Amino acid sequence: MAGKVVVITGASSGIGAALARQLGGRGEHVVLGARRKELLMRVVAESAPDALGVVADVTKRADVDRIRDEALARFGQVDVWVNNAGRGITKTVETLTEDDARMIFDTVVMSVVYGAQSILPHFKERKKGHIVNVSSFLGRVPLLPYRSIYSASKSAVNVLSSNLRMDLRANYPDIHVSVVMPGIVDTPYHDVAGPGLKVRAGGYLGPTRVESAEEVASKIAGVIYRPAAETYTNPSSAELVAAYYRDVGAFEEDLDRRRRSTESASQGSARPVS
């Protein structure tokens, strides 16, 4: 069969929807999973003539297995599985509740575990395949304290991906595991996560340019065609990561100094002119 069969979770909006449209436009066969049926089916109609939408909650293992089963029933194979579903919340560590932590870890971490465990038997049978886990730069450098549990969950995705890649390396060298780490992206994620960031693609948050969902989707598509262990979608990310791990304490002090300077300037500009 010509074209890859690509499963994408979290495909009803944002990065997942943009990736579905781009891959569909390239002639790939996309299977899209998400909870919101109306939005999902709209993306299905916009992506490819043979696109398949599966209404599913990726925090439930049975739903993830159903995405796999419906993909195999329609196309007979899966070539790429993209774990893209995610959710954020604006909470500092001291304000987190148990329900907050469970919700984020179930959506961000367990969905990756379920996705990998669901599709791996098929990949092992074929001796090839590709798992792409969409993580975040915040999982490598926790720049935003009020996105605490989200950053922690994405860090877990990074480590789990590395472990799985090493597990497979010796006996299944053609099963690839990739991590894609976007920076700050202009998507509905920020509306769901709650107050904290107001971003627009092309603008800047500190030294980091805000990316569009389409830009990030294009980088993910590049990884699908040329597998890589890890990819930052924002050119500035690698330099920030290097600076962070070179001296974590100094990096955090500098970040705090910049934040206080920005807050001071903002308060000053709000004062009435006498």
Protein backbone atom coordinates (compact mmCIF):
# COMPACT_ATOMS: atom_id res chain seq x y z
CA MET A 1 0.00 0.00 0.00
CA ALA A 2 1.39 3.38 -1.00
CA GLY A 3 1.69 5.93 1.79
CA LYS A 4 2.25 5.49 5.49
CA VAL A 5 -0.54 4.67 7.95
CA VAL A 6 -0.13 7.16 10.78
CA VAL A 7 -2.12 7.16 14.02
CA ILE A 8 -2.31 10.54 15.76
CA THR A 9 -3.85 11.01 19.20
CA GLY A 10 -5.07 14.39 20.41
CA ALA A 11 -5.96 15.17 16.81
CA SER A 12 -9.06 17.35 17.21
CA SER A 13 -7.15 20.65 17.41
CA GLY A 14 -3.73 22.27 17.69
CA ILE A 15 -0.62 20.35 16.72
CA GLY A 16 -2.43 17.04 16.15
CA ALA A 17 -4.94 18.59 13.75
CA ALA A 18 -2.22 20.46 11.87
CA LEU A 19 -0.18 17.26 11.54
CA ALA A 20 -3.21 15.35 10.25
CA ARG A 21 -3.82 17.94 7.55
CA GLN A 22 -0.18 18.04 6.48
CA LEU A 23 0.24 14.27 6.31
CA GLY A 24 -3.09 13.83 4.56
CA GLY A 25 -2.02 16.41 2.01
CA ARG A 26 1.11 14.33 1.33
CA GLY A 27 -0.92 11.23 0.59
CA GLU A 28 -0.50 9.46 3.91
CA HIS A 29 -3.35 7.52 5.54
CA VAL A 30 -4.23 9.07 8.90
CA VAL A 31 -6.12 7.59 11.83
CA LEU A 32 -7.14 10.30 14.26
CA GLY A 33 -8.09 9.80 17.88
CA ALA A 34 -9.62 12.38 20.24
CA ARG A 35 -12.46 12.85 22.71
CA ARG A 36 -14.33 15.72 21.05
CA LYS A 37 -16.34 14.11 18.26
CA GLU A 38 -17.52 17.22 16.40
CA LEU A 39 -14.06 18.80 16.23
CA LEU A 40 -12.45 15.46 15.42
CA MET A 41 -14.74 14.76 12.49
CA ARG A 42 -14.10 18.22 11.10
CA VAL A 43 -10.36 17.50 11.05
CA VAL A 44 -11.02 14.07 9.49
CA ALA A 45 -12.90 15.78 6.65
CA GLU A 46 -10.08 18.29 6.16
CA SER A 47 -7.16 15.84 6.19
CA ALA A 48 -7.54 12.96 3.69
CA PRO A 49 -10.29 11.21 1.70
CA ASP A 50 -9.72 7.93 3.54
CA ALA A 51 -9.00 9.43 6.96
CA LEU A 52 -10.45 7.55 9.92
CA GLY A 53 -11.65 9.23 13.11
CA VAL A 54 -11.98 7.30 16.35
CA VAL A 55 -13.64 8.99 19.30
CA ALA A 56 -11.52 7.86 22.23
CA ASP A 57 -10.23 8.88 25.65
CA VAL A 58 -6.50 8.12 25.76
CA THR A 59 -6.52 7.92 29.56
CA LYS A 60 -8.37 4.61 29.11
CA ARG A 61 -6.34 1.64 27.87
CA ALA A 62 -9.37 0.03 26.21
CA ASP A 63 -9.97 3.19 24.14
CA VAL A 64 -6.35 3.27 23.00
CA ASP A 65 -6.54 -0.40 22.00
CA ARG A 66 -9.69 0.43 20.05
CA ILE A 67 -7.85 3.11 18.05
CA ARG A 68 -5.27 0.46 17.11
CA ASP A 69 -7.90 -2.14 16.26
CA GLU A 70 -9.91 0.22 14.05
CA ALA A 71 -6.73 1.35 12.28
CA LEU A 72 -5.74 -2.26 11.54
CA ALA A 73 -9.26 -3.15 10.45
CA ARG A 74 -9.31 -0.25 7.96
CA PHE A 75 -5.74 -0.32 6.64
CA GLY A 76 -4.24 -3.67 7.67
CA GLN A 77 -1.15 -2.07 9.19
CA VAL A 78 0.17 0.87 11.19
CA ASP A 79 3.52 2.42 10.30
CA VAL A 80 3.70 5.34 12.72
CA TRP A 81 2.01 5.98 16.06
CA VAL A 82 2.10 9.60 17.27
CA ASN A 83 1.34 10.06 20.97
CA ASN A 84 0.30 13.69 20.84
CA ALA A 85 -2.57 13.97 23.33
CA GLY A 86 -1.83 16.26 26.23
CA ARG A 87 -3.26 18.64 28.76
CA GLY A 88 -1.84 21.43 30.90
CA ILE A 89 -2.80 23.16 34.10
CA THR A 90 -1.64 26.39 35.69
CA LYS A 91 -0.68 25.40 39.24
CA THR A 92 2.47 25.84 41.31
CA VAL A 93 3.76 22.83 43.24
CA GLU A 94 2.29 24.03 46.54
CA THR A 95 -1.20 24.53 45.08
CA LEU A 96 -1.47 21.17 43.28
CA THR A 97 -4.15 18.74 44.38
CA GLU A 98 -4.09 14.96 44.03
CA ASP A 99 -6.77 15.22 41.35
CA ASP A 100 -4.65 17.75 39.41
CA ALA A 101 -1.65 15.43 39.43
CA ARG A 102 -3.63 12.35 38.44
CA MET A 103 -5.42 14.19 35.61
CA ILE A 104 -2.19 15.46 34.05
CA PHE A 105 -0.22 12.24 34.48
CA ASP A 106 -3.07 10.13 33.12
CA THR A 107 -3.39 12.35 30.04
CA VAL A 108 0.28 13.03 29.35
CA VAL A 109 2.18 10.02 30.69
CA MET A 110 -0.20 7.07 30.82
CA SER A 111 -1.49 7.82 27.32
CA VAL A 112 2.08 7.36 26.08
CA VAL A 113 2.44 4.10 28.01
CA TYR A 114 -0.88 2.82 26.67
CA GLY A 115 -0.07 3.88 23.12
CA ALA A 116 3.35 2.22 23.12
CA GLN A 117 2.13 -0.99 24.74
CA SER A 118 -0.82 -1.19 22.39
CA ILE A 119 1.07 -0.84 19.11
CA LEU A 120 4.37 -2.56 19.97
CA PRO A 121 3.17 -6.15 19.37
CA HIS A 122 2.15 -5.13 15.84
CA PHE A 123 5.47 -3.39 15.23
CA LYS A 124 7.41 -6.36 16.60
CA GLU A 125 5.50 -8.74 14.36
CA ARG A 126 6.42 -6.60 11.34
CA LYS A 127 9.92 -5.89 12.77
CA LYS A 128 9.50 -2.21 11.98
CA GLY A 129 7.54 0.82 13.05
CA HIS A 130 7.90 4.24 14.57
CA ILE A 131 6.58 5.70 17.83
CA VAL A 132 6.70 9.50 18.00
CA ASN A 133 6.08 11.03 21.43
CA VAL A 134 5.25 14.73 21.42
CA SER A 135 6.80 16.09 24.59
CA SER A 136 7.77 19.68 25.46
CA PHE A 137 10.84 21.79 25.96
CA LEU A 138 9.42 22.38 29.47
CA GLY A 139 10.13 18.72 30.19
CA ARG A 140 13.82 19.42 29.72
CA VAL A 141 14.05 22.96 31.17
CA PRO A 142 11.27 23.90 33.66
CA LEU A 143 11.06 27.58 32.74
CA LEU A 144 7.52 28.18 34.03
CA PRO A 145 6.98 27.33 37.73
CA TYR A 146 3.19 27.59 37.37
CA ARG A 147 3.26 24.77 34.80
CA SER A 148 4.86 22.50 37.40
CA ILE A 149 3.03 19.20 36.99
CA TYR A 150 2.87 19.58 33.21
CA SER A 151 6.64 20.05 33.01
CA ALA A 152 7.16 17.06 35.33
CA SER A 153 4.90 14.86 33.21
CA LYS A 154 6.71 15.80 29.99
CA SER A 155 10.02 15.01 31.69
CA ALA A 156 8.61 11.55 32.39
CA VAL A 157 7.70 11.18 28.71
CA ASN A 158 11.30 12.01 27.75
CA VAL A 159 12.74 9.38 30.09
CA LEU A 160 10.21 6.69 29.20
CA SER A 161 10.95 7.26 25.52
CA SER A 162 14.69 6.87 26.10
CA ASN A 163 14.15 3.67 28.08
CA LEU A 164 11.93 2.19 25.37
CA ARG A 165 14.39 3.13 22.63
CA MET A 166 17.19 1.36 24.48
CA ASP A 167 15.00 -1.68 25.16
CA LEU A 168 14.30 -2.10 21.46
CA ARG A 169 17.71 -1.25 20.05
CA ALA A 170 19.35 -4.69 20.07
CA ASN A 171 16.54 -6.90 18.76
CA TYR A 172 14.35 -4.42 16.86
CA PRO A 173 16.64 -1.82 15.28
CA ASP A 174 13.95 -0.80 12.77
CA ILE A 175 11.43 0.15 15.44
CA HIS A 176 12.20 3.78 16.09
CA VAL A 177 11.21 5.86 19.13
CA SER A 178 11.38 9.61 18.70
CA VAL A 179 10.73 12.49 21.06
CA VAL A 180 9.71 15.86 19.63
CA MET A 181 9.95 18.80 22.03
CA PRO A 182 8.15 21.98 20.96
CA GLY A 183 8.76 25.23 22.77
CA ILE A 184 5.93 27.69 23.38
CA VAL A 185 3.25 27.07 20.74
CA ASP A 186 0.17 29.09 19.84
CA THR A 187 -2.59 26.48 20.35
CA PRO A 188 -5.83 26.12 22.38
CA TYR A 189 -3.70 24.33 25.02
CA HIS A 190 -3.18 27.62 26.83
CA ASP A 191 -6.93 28.26 27.09
CA VAL A 192 -7.45 24.83 28.65
CA ALA A 193 -4.44 25.13 30.96
CA GLY A 194 -5.79 28.32 32.51
CA PRO A 195 -4.28 31.75 33.14
CA GLY A 196 -0.57 32.27 32.78
CA LEU A 197 0.46 32.82 29.18
CA LYS A 198 -0.94 34.92 26.40
CA VAL A 199 0.93 33.93 23.28
CA ARG A 200 0.70 34.55 19.56
CA ALA A 201 2.65 32.78 16.84
CA GLY A 202 5.56 34.90 15.67
CA GLY A 203 5.77 36.81 18.95
CA TYR A 204 8.37 36.27 21.64
CA LEU A 205 8.33 35.03 25.21
CA GLY A 206 11.69 36.14 26.54
CA PRO A 207 14.32 34.92 24.07
CA THR A 208 12.00 32.28 22.63
CA ARG A 209 9.94 32.78 19.50
CA VAL A 210 6.37 31.47 19.77
CA GLU A 211 5.73 28.76 17.18
CA SER A 212 2.54 28.02 15.29
CA ALA A 213 0.91 24.59 15.34
CA GLU A 214 1.66 24.28 11.63
CA GLU A 215 5.38 24.94 12.17
CA VAL A 216 5.59 22.28 14.86
CA ALA A 217 3.57 19.81 12.77
CA SER A 218 6.02 20.30 9.93
CA LYS A 219 8.92 19.40 12.25
CA ILE A 220 7.07 16.29 13.45
CA ALA A 221 6.45 15.27 9.84
CA GLY A 222 10.17 15.66 9.23
CA VAL A 223 10.92 13.26 12.08
CA ILE A 224 8.39 10.77 10.69
CA TYR A 225 10.27 10.71 7.37
CA ARG A 226 13.74 10.91 8.95
CA PRO A 227 13.62 9.26 12.40
CA ALA A 228 15.69 10.93 15.12
CA ALA A 229 15.97 10.17 18.82
CA GLU A 230 15.16 13.72 19.94
CA THR A 231 14.23 16.92 18.15
CA TYR A 232 13.64 20.44 19.40
CA THR A 233 11.26 22.30 17.12
CA ASN A 234 12.51 25.74 18.21
CA PRO A 235 16.08 26.68 17.17
CA SER A 236 16.71 28.47 20.48
CA SER A 237 15.88 25.45 22.65
CA ALA A 238 19.17 23.53 22.35
CA GLU A 239 21.17 26.55 23.51
CA LEU A 240 18.87 27.08 26.50
CA VAL A 241 19.13 23.40 27.44
CA ALA A 242 22.92 23.56 27.32
CA ALA A 243 22.94 26.67 29.52
CA TYR A 244 20.53 25.09 32.00
CA TYR A 245 22.52 21.91 32.54
CA ARG A 246 25.84 23.73 32.58
CA ASP A 247 24.84 25.41 35.86
CA VAL A 248 21.25 24.89 37.04
CA GLY A 249 21.60 27.24 40.01
CA ALA A 250 23.00 30.10 37.96
CA PHE A 251 20.35 29.59 35.26
CA GLU A 252 17.54 29.75 37.83
CA GLU A 253 19.00 32.85 39.49
CA ASP A 254 19.25 34.60 36.13
CA LEU A 255 15.70 33.55 35.24
CA ASP A 256 14.37 34.88 38.53
CA ARG A 257 16.26 38.15 38.06
CA ARG A 258 14.79 38.59 34.57
CA ARG A 259 11.29 37.82 35.84
CA ARG A 260 11.50 40.35 38.68
CA SER A 261 12.90 42.96 36.30
CA THR A 262 10.01 42.40 33.88
CA GLU A 263 7.42 42.62 36.68
CA SER A 264 9.00 45.82 38.00
CA ALA A 265 8.98 47.41 34.55
CA SER A 266 5.36 46.40 34.04
CA GLN A 267 4.30 47.95 37.35
CA GLY A 268 6.24 51.08 36.56
CA SER A 269 4.58 51.54 33.19
CA ALA A 270 1.16 51.27 34.85
CA ARG A 271 1.76 54.23 37.18
CA PRO A 272 -0.04 57.47 36.30
CA VAL A 273 2.11 60.28 34.99
CA SER A 274 1.99 63.27 37.34
